[in-house]
Amino acid sequence: YSEVNKYVRTNLLIKLQKLNTSASQQKIRRVQNRLEKCI
């Protein structure tokens, strides 16, 4: 649990918060896959 939380906090959250409407669909899909992998 600690390692997954660490990855979410130090990697995934930063990518999620940087996404905006101008991000490409490929980048959004890549982050979406990472999020689903963590869940």
PDB file of all heavy atoms in Angstrom:
ATOM      1  N   TYR A   1       0.831  -1.210   0.000  1.00  0.00           N
ATOM      2  CA  TYR A   1       0.000   0.000   0.000  1.00  0.00           C
ATOM      3  C   TYR A   1       0.864   1.257   0.000  1.00  0.00           C
ATOM      4  O   TYR A   1       0.571   2.241  -0.703  1.00  0.00           O
ATOM      5  CB  TYR A   1      -0.928   0.012   1.221  1.00  0.00           C
ATOM      6  CG  TYR A   1      -2.199  -0.773   1.044  1.00  0.00           C
ATOM      7  CD1 TYR A   1      -2.570  -1.743   1.965  1.00  0.00           C
ATOM      8  CD2 TYR A   1      -3.053  -0.538  -0.032  1.00  0.00           C
ATOM      9  CE1 TYR A   1      -3.754  -2.467   1.817  1.00  0.00           C
ATOM     10  CE2 TYR A   1      -4.233  -1.251  -0.188  1.00  0.00           C
ATOM     11  CZ  TYR A   1      -4.577  -2.215   0.745  1.00  0.00           C
ATOM     12  OH  TYR A   1      -5.740  -2.916   0.593  1.00  0.00           O
ATOM     13  N   SER A   2       1.936   1.252   0.789  1.00  0.00           N
ATOM     14  CA  SER A   2       2.808   2.415   0.895  1.00  0.00           C
ATOM     15  C   SER A   2       3.476   2.733  -0.439  1.00  0.00           C
ATOM     16  O   SER A   2       3.569   3.908  -0.839  1.00  0.00           O
ATOM     17  CB  SER A   2       3.864   2.170   1.973  1.00  0.00           C
ATOM     18  OG  SER A   2       4.791   3.224   2.020  1.00  0.00           O
ATOM     19  N   GLU A   3       3.932   1.704  -1.150  1.00  0.00           N
ATOM     20  CA  GLU A   3       4.616   1.929  -2.427  1.00  0.00           C
ATOM     21  C   GLU A   3       3.658   2.461  -3.489  1.00  0.00           C
ATOM     22  O   GLU A   3       4.018   3.358  -4.262  1.00  0.00           O
ATOM     23  CB  GLU A   3       5.268   0.619  -2.907  1.00  0.00           C
ATOM     24  CG  GLU A   3       6.460   0.185  -2.071  1.00  0.00           C
ATOM     25  CD  GLU A   3       7.594   1.186  -2.103  1.00  0.00           C
ATOM     26  OE1 GLU A   3       7.994   1.597  -3.206  1.00  0.00           O
ATOM     27  OE2 GLU A   3       8.057   1.583  -1.025  1.00  0.00           O
ATOM     28  N   VAL A   4       2.438   1.927  -3.545  1.00  0.00           N
ATOM     29  CA  VAL A   4       1.461   2.439  -4.512  1.00  0.00           C
ATOM     30  C   VAL A   4       1.080   3.873  -4.151  1.00  0.00           C
ATOM     31  O   VAL A   4       0.967   4.739  -5.030  1.00  0.00           O
ATOM     32  CB  VAL A   4       0.215   1.534  -4.569  1.00  0.00           C
ATOM     33  CG1 VAL A   4      -0.785   2.083  -5.598  1.00  0.00           C
ATOM     34  CG2 VAL A   4       0.593   0.112  -4.954  1.00  0.00           C
ATOM     35  N   ASN A   5       0.879   4.145  -2.865  1.00  0.00           N
ATOM     36  CA  ASN A   5       0.588   5.520  -2.434  1.00  0.00           C
ATOM     37  C   ASN A   5       1.726   6.471  -2.797  1.00  0.00           C
ATOM     38  O   ASN A   5       1.492   7.624  -3.195  1.00  0.00           O
ATOM     39  CB  ASN A   5       0.345   5.567  -0.923  1.00  0.00           C
ATOM     40  CG  ASN A   5      -0.983   4.951  -0.520  1.00  0.00           C
ATOM     41  OD1 ASN A   5      -1.871   4.773  -1.345  1.00  0.00           O
ATOM     42  ND2 ASN A   5      -1.124   4.613   0.753  1.00  0.00           N
ATOM     43  N   LYS A   6       2.947   5.997  -2.645  1.00  0.00           N
ATOM     44  CA  LYS A   6       4.109   6.810  -2.984  1.00  0.00           C
ATOM     45  C   LYS A   6       4.134   7.122  -4.479  1.00  0.00           C
ATOM     46  O   LYS A   6       4.412   8.266  -4.883  1.00  0.00           O
ATOM     47  CB  LYS A   6       5.387   6.070  -2.573  1.00  0.00           C
ATOM     48  CG  LYS A   6       6.671   6.790  -2.930  1.00  0.00           C
ATOM     49  CD  LYS A   6       7.881   5.949  -2.560  1.00  0.00           C
ATOM     50  CE  LYS A   6       9.178   6.598  -3.012  1.00  0.00           C
ATOM     51  NZ  LYS A   6      10.356   5.733  -2.700  1.00  0.00           N
ATOM     52  N   TYR A   7       3.826   6.127  -5.307  1.00  0.00           N
ATOM     53  CA  TYR A   7       3.793   6.366  -6.751  1.00  0.00           C
ATOM     54  C   TYR A   7       2.694   7.356  -7.121  1.00  0.00           C
ATOM     55  O   TYR A   7       2.899   8.262  -7.946  1.00  0.00           O
ATOM     56  CB  TYR A   7       3.578   5.049  -7.493  1.00  0.00           C
ATOM     57  CG  TYR A   7       3.367   5.232  -8.981  1.00  0.00           C
ATOM     58  CD1 TYR A   7       4.450   5.461  -9.821  1.00  0.00           C
ATOM     59  CD2 TYR A   7       2.086   5.210  -9.526  1.00  0.00           C
ATOM     60  CE1 TYR A   7       4.267   5.662 -11.179  1.00  0.00           C
ATOM     61  CE2 TYR A   7       1.893   5.397 -10.887  1.00  0.00           C
ATOM     62  CZ  TYR A   7       2.984   5.627 -11.706  1.00  0.00           C
ATOM     63  OH  TYR A   7       2.791   5.839 -13.048  1.00  0.00           O
ATOM     64  N   VAL A   8       1.523   7.209  -6.512  1.00  0.00           N
ATOM     65  CA  VAL A   8       0.419   8.138  -6.782  1.00  0.00           C
ATOM     66  C   VAL A   8       0.804   9.549  -6.376  1.00  0.00           C
ATOM     67  O   VAL A   8       0.551  10.519  -7.108  1.00  0.00           O
ATOM     68  CB  VAL A   8      -0.855   7.672  -6.032  1.00  0.00           C
ATOM     69  CG1 VAL A   8      -1.936   8.748  -6.104  1.00  0.00           C
ATOM     70  CG2 VAL A   8      -1.371   6.373  -6.622  1.00  0.00           C
ATOM     71  N   ARG A   9       1.441   9.691  -5.220  1.00  0.00           N
ATOM     72  CA  ARG A   9       1.770  11.016  -4.683  1.00  0.00           C
ATOM     73  C   ARG A   9       2.890  11.690  -5.460  1.00  0.00           C
ATOM     74  O   ARG A   9       2.832  12.899  -5.721  1.00  0.00           O
ATOM     75  CB  ARG A   9       2.150  10.876  -3.210  1.00  0.00           C
ATOM     76  CG  ARG A   9       2.465  12.173  -2.515  1.00  0.00           C
ATOM     77  CD  ARG A   9       2.680  11.958  -1.020  1.00  0.00           C
ATOM     78  NE  ARG A   9       3.760  11.025  -0.744  1.00  0.00           N
ATOM     79  CZ  ARG A   9       3.587   9.760  -0.334  1.00  0.00           C
ATOM     80  NH1 ARG A   9       2.379   9.283  -0.170  1.00  0.00           N
ATOM     81  NH2 ARG A   9       4.626   8.985  -0.092  1.00  0.00           N
ATOM     82  N   THR A  10       3.916  10.945  -5.849  1.00  0.00           N
ATOM     83  CA  THR A  10       5.107  11.540  -6.456  1.00  0.00           C
ATOM     84  C   THR A  10       5.093  11.526  -7.972  1.00  0.00           C
ATOM     85  O   THR A  10       5.917  12.211  -8.593  1.00  0.00           O
ATOM     86  CB  THR A  10       6.365  10.802  -5.977  1.00  0.00           C
ATOM     87  OG1 THR A  10       6.286   9.414  -6.370  1.00  0.00           O
ATOM     88  CG2 THR A  10       6.498  10.880  -4.468  1.00  0.00           C
ATOM     89  N   ASN A  11       4.190  10.764  -8.576  1.00  0.00           N
ATOM     90  CA  ASN A  11       4.212  10.635 -10.032  1.00  0.00           C
ATOM     91  C   ASN A  11       2.846  10.887 -10.654  1.00  0.00           C
ATOM     92  O   ASN A  11       2.662  11.816 -11.435  1.00  0.00           O
ATOM     93  CB  ASN A  11       4.736   9.241 -10.409  1.00  0.00           C
ATOM     94  CG  ASN A  11       5.064   9.113 -11.878  1.00  0.00           C
ATOM     95  OD1 ASN A  11       4.246   9.415 -12.725  1.00  0.00           O
ATOM     96  ND2 ASN A  11       6.270   8.656 -12.188  1.00  0.00           N
ATOM     97  N   LEU A  12       1.890  10.071 -10.285  1.00  0.00           N
ATOM     98  CA  LEU A  12       0.593  10.110 -10.961  1.00  0.00           C
ATOM     99  C   LEU A  12      -0.161  11.408 -10.680  1.00  0.00           C
ATOM    100  O   LEU A  12      -0.761  11.999 -11.600  1.00  0.00           O
ATOM    101  CB  LEU A  12      -0.242   8.900 -10.533  1.00  0.00           C
ATOM    102  CG  LEU A  12      -1.585   8.715 -11.243  1.00  0.00           C
ATOM    103  CD1 LEU A  12      -1.389   8.561 -12.744  1.00  0.00           C
ATOM    104  CD2 LEU A  12      -2.326   7.504 -10.679  1.00  0.00           C
ATOM    105  N   LEU A  13      -0.177  11.863  -9.435  1.00  0.00           N
ATOM    106  CA  LEU A  13      -0.914  13.082  -9.097  1.00  0.00           C
ATOM    107  C   LEU A  13      -0.385  14.288  -9.856  1.00  0.00           C
ATOM    108  O   LEU A  13      -1.154  15.150 -10.295  1.00  0.00           O
ATOM    109  CB  LEU A  13      -0.823  13.349  -7.591  1.00  0.00           C
ATOM    110  CG  LEU A  13      -1.882  12.689  -6.709  1.00  0.00           C
ATOM    111  CD1 LEU A  13      -1.694  13.100  -5.262  1.00  0.00           C
ATOM    112  CD2 LEU A  13      -3.272  13.063  -7.175  1.00  0.00           C
ATOM    113  N   ILE A  14       0.931  14.364 -10.022  1.00  0.00           N
ATOM    114  CA  ILE A  14       1.528  15.481 -10.755  1.00  0.00           C
ATOM    115  C   ILE A  14       1.054  15.481 -12.197  1.00  0.00           C
ATOM    116  O   ILE A  14       0.696  16.529 -12.756  1.00  0.00           O
ATOM    117  CB  ILE A  14       3.063  15.394 -10.672  1.00  0.00           C
ATOM    118  CG1 ILE A  14       3.524  15.522  -9.220  1.00  0.00           C
ATOM    119  CG2 ILE A  14       3.713  16.473 -11.528  1.00  0.00           C
ATOM    120  CD1 ILE A  14       5.010  15.309  -9.022  1.00  0.00           C
ATOM    121  N   LYS A  15       1.021  14.295 -12.807  1.00  0.00           N
ATOM    122  CA  LYS A  15       0.547  14.212 -14.193  1.00  0.00           C
ATOM    123  C   LYS A  15      -0.929  14.543 -14.300  1.00  0.00           C
ATOM    124  O   LYS A  15      -1.367  15.209 -15.250  1.00  0.00           O
ATOM    125  CB  LYS A  15       0.816  12.804 -14.737  1.00  0.00           C
ATOM    126  CG  LYS A  15       2.291  12.473 -14.888  1.00  0.00           C
ATOM    127  CD  LYS A  15       2.481  11.066 -15.430  1.00  0.00           C
ATOM    128  CE  LYS A  15       3.974  10.758 -15.598  1.00  0.00           C
ATOM    129  NZ  LYS A  15       4.190   9.369 -16.096  1.00  0.00           N
ATOM    130  N   LEU A  16      -1.713  14.079 -13.342  1.00  0.00           N
ATOM    131  CA  LEU A  16      -3.149  14.366 -13.379  1.00  0.00           C
ATOM    132  C   LEU A  16      -3.432  15.857 -13.237  1.00  0.00           C
ATOM    133  O   LEU A  16      -4.291  16.416 -13.922  1.00  0.00           O
ATOM    134  CB  LEU A  16      -3.858  13.592 -12.259  1.00  0.00           C
ATOM    135  CG  LEU A  16      -4.015  12.083 -12.451  1.00  0.00           C
ATOM    136  CD1 LEU A  16      -4.534  11.448 -11.174  1.00  0.00           C
ATOM    137  CD2 LEU A  16      -4.955  11.773 -13.609  1.00  0.00           C
ATOM    138  N   GLN A  17      -2.708  16.518 -12.358  1.00  0.00           N
ATOM    139  CA  GLN A  17      -2.952  17.933 -12.108  1.00  0.00           C
ATOM    140  C   GLN A  17      -2.445  18.820 -13.235  1.00  0.00           C
ATOM    141  O   GLN A  17      -2.903  19.957 -13.386  1.00  0.00           O
ATOM    142  CB  GLN A  17      -2.309  18.334 -10.778  1.00  0.00           C
ATOM    143  CG  GLN A  17      -2.979  17.702  -9.561  1.00  0.00           C
ATOM    144  CD  GLN A  17      -2.207  17.909  -8.288  1.00  0.00           C
ATOM    145  OE1 GLN A  17      -1.073  18.389  -8.311  1.00  0.00           O
ATOM    146  NE2 GLN A  17      -2.794  17.535  -7.153  1.00  0.00           N
ATOM    147  N   LYS A  18      -1.504  18.328 -14.040  1.00  0.00           N
ATOM    148  CA  LYS A  18      -0.986  19.096 -15.172  1.00  0.00           C
ATOM    149  C   LYS A  18      -1.861  18.979 -16.415  1.00  0.00           C
ATOM    150  O   LYS A  18      -1.711  19.755 -17.349  1.00  0.00           O
ATOM    151  CB  LYS A  18       0.436  18.641 -15.506  1.00  0.00           C
ATOM    152  CG  LYS A  18       1.480  19.110 -14.504  1.00  0.00           C
ATOM    153  CD  LYS A  18       2.870  18.662 -14.920  1.00  0.00           C
ATOM    154  CE  LYS A  18       3.916  19.181 -13.944  1.00  0.00           C
ATOM    155  NZ  LYS A  18       5.295  18.737 -14.331  1.00  0.00           N
ATOM    156  N   LEU A  19      -2.754  17.995 -16.437  1.00  0.00           N
ATOM    157  CA  LEU A  19      -3.604  17.823 -17.617  1.00  0.00           C
ATOM    158  C   LEU A  19      -4.593  18.975 -17.726  1.00  0.00           C
ATOM    159  O   LEU A  19      -5.160  19.439 -16.740  1.00  0.00           O
ATOM    160  CB  LEU A  19      -4.357  16.495 -17.522  1.00  0.00           C
ATOM    161  CG  LEU A  19      -3.536  15.224 -17.725  1.00  0.00           C
ATOM    162  CD1 LEU A  19      -4.415  14.007 -17.587  1.00  0.00           C
ATOM    163  CD2 LEU A  19      -2.830  15.220 -19.070  1.00  0.00           C
ATOM    164  N   ASN A  20      -4.837  19.411 -18.939  1.00  0.00           N
ATOM    165  CA  ASN A  20      -5.833  20.439 -19.205  1.00  0.00           C
ATOM    166  C   ASN A  20      -6.517  20.143 -20.529  1.00  0.00           C
ATOM    167  O   ASN A  20      -6.284  19.110 -21.156  1.00  0.00           O
ATOM    168  CB  ASN A  20      -5.187  21.830 -19.215  1.00  0.00           C
ATOM    169  CG  ASN A  20      -3.961  21.876 -20.136  1.00  0.00           C
ATOM    170  OD1 ASN A  20      -4.011  21.400 -21.272  1.00  0.00           O
ATOM    171  ND2 ASN A  20      -2.867  22.443 -19.637  1.00  0.00           N
ATOM    172  N   THR A  21      -7.351  21.020 -20.947  1.00  0.00           N
ATOM    173  CA  THR A  21      -8.122  20.770 -22.180  1.00  0.00           C
ATOM    174  C   THR A  21      -7.253  20.702 -23.421  1.00  0.00           C
ATOM    175  O   THR A  21      -7.648  20.124 -24.438  1.00  0.00           O
ATOM    176  CB  THR A  21      -9.163  21.886 -22.360  1.00  0.00           C
ATOM    177  OG1 THR A  21      -8.498  23.158 -22.329  1.00  0.00           O
ATOM    178  CG2 THR A  21     -10.202  21.843 -21.239  1.00  0.00           C
ATOM    179  N   SER A  22      -6.064  21.286 -23.364  1.00  0.00           N
ATOM    180  CA  SER A  22      -5.197  21.273 -24.550  1.00  0.00           C
ATOM    181  C   SER A  22      -4.328  20.028 -24.658  1.00  0.00           C
ATOM    182  O   SER A  22      -3.582  19.874 -25.617  1.00  0.00           O
ATOM    183  CB  SER A  22      -4.296  22.521 -24.531  1.00  0.00           C
ATOM    184  OG  SER A  22      -3.474  22.504 -23.372  1.00  0.00           O
ATOM    185  N   ALA A  23      -4.376  19.142 -23.670  1.00  0.00           N
ATOM    186  CA  ALA A  23      -3.558  17.926 -23.709  1.00  0.00           C
ATOM    187  C   ALA A  23      -4.056  16.989 -24.794  1.00  0.00           C
ATOM    188  O   ALA A  23      -5.248  16.920 -25.096  1.00  0.00           O
ATOM    189  CB  ALA A  23      -3.600  17.228 -22.361  1.00  0.00           C
ATOM    190  N   SER A  24      -3.120  16.271 -25.404  1.00  0.00           N
ATOM    191  CA  SER A  24      -3.474  15.342 -26.484  1.00  0.00           C
ATOM    192  C   SER A  24      -4.212  14.136 -25.920  1.00  0.00           C
ATOM    193  O   SER A  24      -4.059  13.788 -24.751  1.00  0.00           O
ATOM    194  CB  SER A  24      -2.212  14.895 -27.214  1.00  0.00           C
ATOM    195  OG  SER A  24      -1.368  14.162 -26.332  1.00  0.00           O
ATOM    196  N   GLN A  25      -5.009  13.519 -26.794  1.00  0.00           N
ATOM    197  CA  GLN A  25      -5.766  12.339 -26.369  1.00  0.00           C
ATOM    198  C   GLN A  25      -4.836  11.188 -25.986  1.00  0.00           C
ATOM    199  O   GLN A  25      -5.143  10.407 -25.083  1.00  0.00           O
ATOM    200  CB  GLN A  25      -6.712  11.902 -27.497  1.00  0.00           C
ATOM    201  CG  GLN A  25      -7.869  12.847 -27.735  1.00  0.00           C
ATOM    202  CD  GLN A  25      -8.773  12.933 -26.527  1.00  0.00           C
ATOM    203  OE1 GLN A  25      -9.043  11.936 -25.858  1.00  0.00           O
ATOM    204  NE2 GLN A  25      -9.241  14.149 -26.222  1.00  0.00           N
ATOM    205  N   GLN A  26      -3.699  11.077 -26.673  1.00  0.00           N
ATOM    206  CA  GLN A  26      -2.750  10.009 -26.356  1.00  0.00           C
ATOM    207  C   GLN A  26      -2.180  10.183 -24.948  1.00  0.00           C
ATOM    208  O   GLN A  26      -2.050   9.217 -24.184  1.00  0.00           O
ATOM    209  CB  GLN A  26      -1.617  10.005 -27.388  1.00  0.00           C
ATOM    210  CG  GLN A  26      -0.603   8.878 -27.179  1.00  0.00           C
ATOM    211  CD  GLN A  26       0.490   8.896 -28.233  1.00  0.00           C
ATOM    212  OE1 GLN A  26       0.513   9.775 -29.087  1.00  0.00           O
ATOM    213  NE2 GLN A  26       1.389   7.934 -28.170  1.00  0.00           N
ATOM    214  N   LYS A  27      -1.874  11.433 -24.577  1.00  0.00           N
ATOM    215  CA  LYS A  27      -1.347  11.693 -23.239  1.00  0.00           C
ATOM    216  C   LYS A  27      -2.407  11.440 -22.181  1.00  0.00           C
ATOM    217  O   LYS A  27      -2.120  10.850 -21.125  1.00  0.00           O
ATOM    218  CB  LYS A  27      -0.855  13.136 -23.177  1.00  0.00           C
ATOM    219  CG  LYS A  27      -0.099  13.458 -21.900  1.00  0.00           C
ATOM    220  CD  LYS A  27       0.454  14.869 -21.959  1.00  0.00           C
ATOM    221  CE  LYS A  27       1.256  15.180 -20.698  1.00  0.00           C
ATOM    222  NZ  LYS A  27       1.822  16.559 -20.742  1.00  0.00           N
ATOM    223  N   ILE A  28      -3.646  11.852 -22.458  1.00  0.00           N
ATOM    224  CA  ILE A  28      -4.737  11.610 -21.512  1.00  0.00           C
ATOM    225  C   ILE A  28      -4.965  10.114 -21.339  1.00  0.00           C
ATOM    226  O   ILE A  28      -5.169   9.626 -20.223  1.00  0.00           O
ATOM    227  CB  ILE A  28      -6.019  12.319 -21.994  1.00  0.00           C
ATOM    228  CG1 ILE A  28      -5.838  13.832 -21.944  1.00  0.00           C
ATOM    229  CG2 ILE A  28      -7.209  11.903 -21.135  1.00  0.00           C
ATOM    230  CD1 ILE A  28      -7.004  14.609 -22.512  1.00  0.00           C
ATOM    231  N   ARG A  29      -4.926   9.363 -22.461  1.00  0.00           N
ATOM    232  CA  ARG A  29      -5.146   7.921 -22.398  1.00  0.00           C
ATOM    233  C   ARG A  29      -4.038   7.233 -21.605  1.00  0.00           C
ATOM    234  O   ARG A  29      -4.285   6.286 -20.850  1.00  0.00           O
ATOM    235  CB  ARG A  29      -5.225   7.345 -23.800  1.00  0.00           C
ATOM    236  CG  ARG A  29      -5.789   5.923 -23.850  1.00  0.00           C
ATOM    237  CD  ARG A  29      -5.886   5.395 -25.281  1.00  0.00           C
ATOM    238  NE  ARG A  29      -6.674   6.277 -26.121  1.00  0.00           N
ATOM    239  CZ  ARG A  29      -6.165   7.016 -27.111  1.00  0.00           C
ATOM    240  NH1 ARG A  29      -4.863   6.987 -27.364  1.00  0.00           N
ATOM    241  NH2 ARG A  29      -6.941   7.789 -27.843  1.00  0.00           N
ATOM    242  N   ARG A  30      -2.789   7.725 -21.748  1.00  0.00           N
ATOM    243  CA  ARG A  30      -1.673   7.121 -21.022  1.00  0.00           C
ATOM    244  C   ARG A  30      -1.837   7.331 -19.508  1.00  0.00           C
ATOM    245  O   ARG A  30      -1.639   6.409 -18.716  1.00  0.00           O
ATOM    246  CB  ARG A  30      -0.357   7.734 -21.503  1.00  0.00           C
ATOM    247  CG  ARG A  30       0.869   7.007 -20.963  1.00  0.00           C
ATOM    248  CD  ARG A  30       2.158   7.677 -21.416  1.00  0.00           C
ATOM    249  NE  ARG A  30       2.243   7.768 -22.859  1.00  0.00           N
ATOM    250  CZ  ARG A  30       2.289   8.911 -23.540  1.00  0.00           C
ATOM    251  NH1 ARG A  30       2.266  10.072 -22.890  1.00  0.00           N
ATOM    252  NH2 ARG A  30       2.372   8.926 -24.856  1.00  0.00           N
ATOM    253  N   VAL A  31      -2.218   8.532 -19.123  1.00  0.00           N
ATOM    254  CA  VAL A  31      -2.437   8.806 -17.702  1.00  0.00           C
ATOM    255  C   VAL A  31      -3.638   8.025 -17.177  1.00  0.00           C
ATOM    256  O   VAL A  31      -3.634   7.516 -16.054  1.00  0.00           O
ATOM    257  CB  VAL A  31      -2.624  10.318 -17.483  1.00  0.00           C
ATOM    258  CG1 VAL A  31      -2.939  10.613 -16.018  1.00  0.00           C
ATOM    259  CG2 VAL A  31      -1.380  11.078 -17.906  1.00  0.00           C
ATOM    260  N   GLN A  32      -4.679   7.908 -18.029  1.00  0.00           N
ATOM    261  CA  GLN A  32      -5.857   7.134 -17.644  1.00  0.00           C
ATOM    262  C   GLN A  32      -5.495   5.677 -17.375  1.00  0.00           C
ATOM    263  O   GLN A  32      -5.966   5.077 -16.389  1.00  0.00           O
ATOM    264  CB  GLN A  32      -6.906   7.215 -18.759  1.00  0.00           C
ATOM    265  CG  GLN A  32      -8.129   6.347 -18.561  1.00  0.00           C
ATOM    266  CD  GLN A  32      -9.153   6.990 -17.655  1.00  0.00           C
ATOM    267  OE1 GLN A  32      -9.093   8.192 -17.411  1.00  0.00           O
ATOM    268  NE2 GLN A  32     -10.081   6.206 -17.146  1.00  0.00           N
ATOM    269  N   ASN A  33      -4.638   5.106 -18.212  1.00  0.00           N
ATOM    270  CA  ASN A  33      -4.209   3.715 -18.016  1.00  0.00           C
ATOM    271  C   ASN A  33      -3.415   3.554 -16.730  1.00  0.00           C
ATOM    272  O   ASN A  33      -3.562   2.543 -16.018  1.00  0.00           O
ATOM    273  CB  ASN A  33      -3.372   3.256 -19.213  1.00  0.00           C
ATOM    274  CG  ASN A  33      -4.189   3.130 -20.492  1.00  0.00           C
ATOM    275  OD1 ASN A  33      -5.410   2.962 -20.442  1.00  0.00           O
ATOM    276  ND2 ASN A  33      -3.532   3.229 -21.643  1.00  0.00           N
ATOM    277  N   ARG A  34      -2.574   4.534 -16.417  1.00  0.00           N
ATOM    278  CA  ARG A  34      -1.808   4.481 -15.171  1.00  0.00           C
ATOM    279  C   ARG A  34      -2.725   4.559 -13.956  1.00  0.00           C
ATOM    280  O   ARG A  34      -2.533   3.866 -12.958  1.00  0.00           O
ATOM    281  CB  ARG A  34      -0.794   5.624 -15.145  1.00  0.00           C
ATOM    282  CG  ARG A  34       0.461   5.351 -15.958  1.00  0.00           C
ATOM    283  CD  ARG A  34       1.239   4.214 -15.325  1.00  0.00           C
ATOM    284  NE  ARG A  34       2.414   3.851 -16.090  1.00  0.00           N
ATOM    285  CZ  ARG A  34       3.267   2.900 -15.725  1.00  0.00           C
ATOM    286  NH1 ARG A  34       3.037   2.207 -14.633  1.00  0.00           N
ATOM    287  NH2 ARG A  34       4.301   2.602 -16.469  1.00  0.00           N
ATOM    288  N   LEU A  35      -3.729   5.433 -14.055  1.00  0.00           N
ATOM    289  CA  LEU A  35      -4.679   5.564 -12.953  1.00  0.00           C
ATOM    290  C   LEU A  35      -5.448   4.261 -12.745  1.00  0.00           C
ATOM    291  O   LEU A  35      -5.618   3.797 -11.605  1.00  0.00           O
ATOM    292  CB  LEU A  35      -5.639   6.710 -13.239  1.00  0.00           C
ATOM    293  CG  LEU A  35      -6.764   6.942 -12.223  1.00  0.00           C
ATOM    294  CD1 LEU A  35      -6.190   7.244 -10.847  1.00  0.00           C
ATOM    295  CD2 LEU A  35      -7.679   8.067 -12.683  1.00  0.00           C
ATOM    296  N   GLU A  36      -5.913   3.671 -13.827  1.00  0.00           N
ATOM    297  CA  GLU A  36      -6.638   2.403 -13.722  1.00  0.00           C
ATOM    298  C   GLU A  36      -5.731   1.292 -13.205  1.00  0.00           C
ATOM    299  O   GLU A  36      -6.189   0.407 -12.471  1.00  0.00           O
ATOM    300  CB  GLU A  36      -7.214   2.029 -15.083  1.00  0.00           C
ATOM    301  CG  GLU A  36      -8.331   2.952 -15.548  1.00  0.00           C
ATOM    302  CD  GLU A  36      -8.835   2.601 -16.931  1.00  0.00           C
ATOM    303  OE1 GLU A  36      -8.192   1.745 -17.597  1.00  0.00           O
ATOM    304  OE2 GLU A  36      -9.843   3.187 -17.368  1.00  0.00           O
ATOM    305  N   LYS A  37      -4.444   1.332 -13.571  1.00  0.00           N
ATOM    306  CA  LYS A  37      -3.493   0.330 -13.064  1.00  0.00           C
ATOM    307  C   LYS A  37      -3.344   0.447 -11.545  1.00  0.00           C
ATOM    308  O   LYS A  37      -3.345  -0.568 -10.827  1.00  0.00           O
ATOM    309  CB  LYS A  37      -2.135   0.530 -13.737  1.00  0.00           C
ATOM    310  CG  LYS A  37      -1.023  -0.379 -13.217  1.00  0.00           C
ATOM    311  CD  LYS A  37      -1.300  -1.837 -13.512  1.00  0.00           C
ATOM    312  CE  LYS A  37      -0.131  -2.705 -13.083  1.00  0.00           C
ATOM    313  NZ  LYS A  37      -0.405  -4.145 -13.284  1.00  0.00           N
ATOM    314  N   CYS A  38      -3.236   1.664 -11.041  1.00  0.00           N
ATOM    315  CA  CYS A  38      -3.108   1.864  -9.590  1.00  0.00           C
ATOM    316  C   CYS A  38      -4.360   1.407  -8.853  1.00  0.00           C
ATOM    317  O   CYS A  38      -4.276   0.748  -7.813  1.00  0.00           O
ATOM    318  CB  CYS A  38      -2.823   3.334  -9.293  1.00  0.00           C
ATOM    319  SG  CYS A  38      -1.187   3.899  -9.801  1.00  0.00           S
ATOM    320  N   ILE A  39      -5.534   1.758  -9.407  1.00  0.00           N
ATOM    321  CA  ILE A  39      -6.779   1.343  -8.768  1.00  0.00           C
ATOM    322  C   ILE A  39      -6.905  -0.179  -8.787  1.00  0.00           C
ATOM    323  O   ILE A  39      -7.365  -0.794  -7.815  1.00  0.00           O
ATOM    324  CB  ILE A  39      -7.973   2.010  -9.471  1.00  0.00           C
ATOM    325  CG1 ILE A  39      -7.928   3.521  -9.247  1.00  0.00           C
ATOM    326  CG2 ILE A  39      -9.297   1.447  -8.963  1.00  0.00           C
ATOM    327  CD1 ILE A  39      -9.001   4.286  -9.983  1.00  0.00           C
TER     328      ILE A  39
END
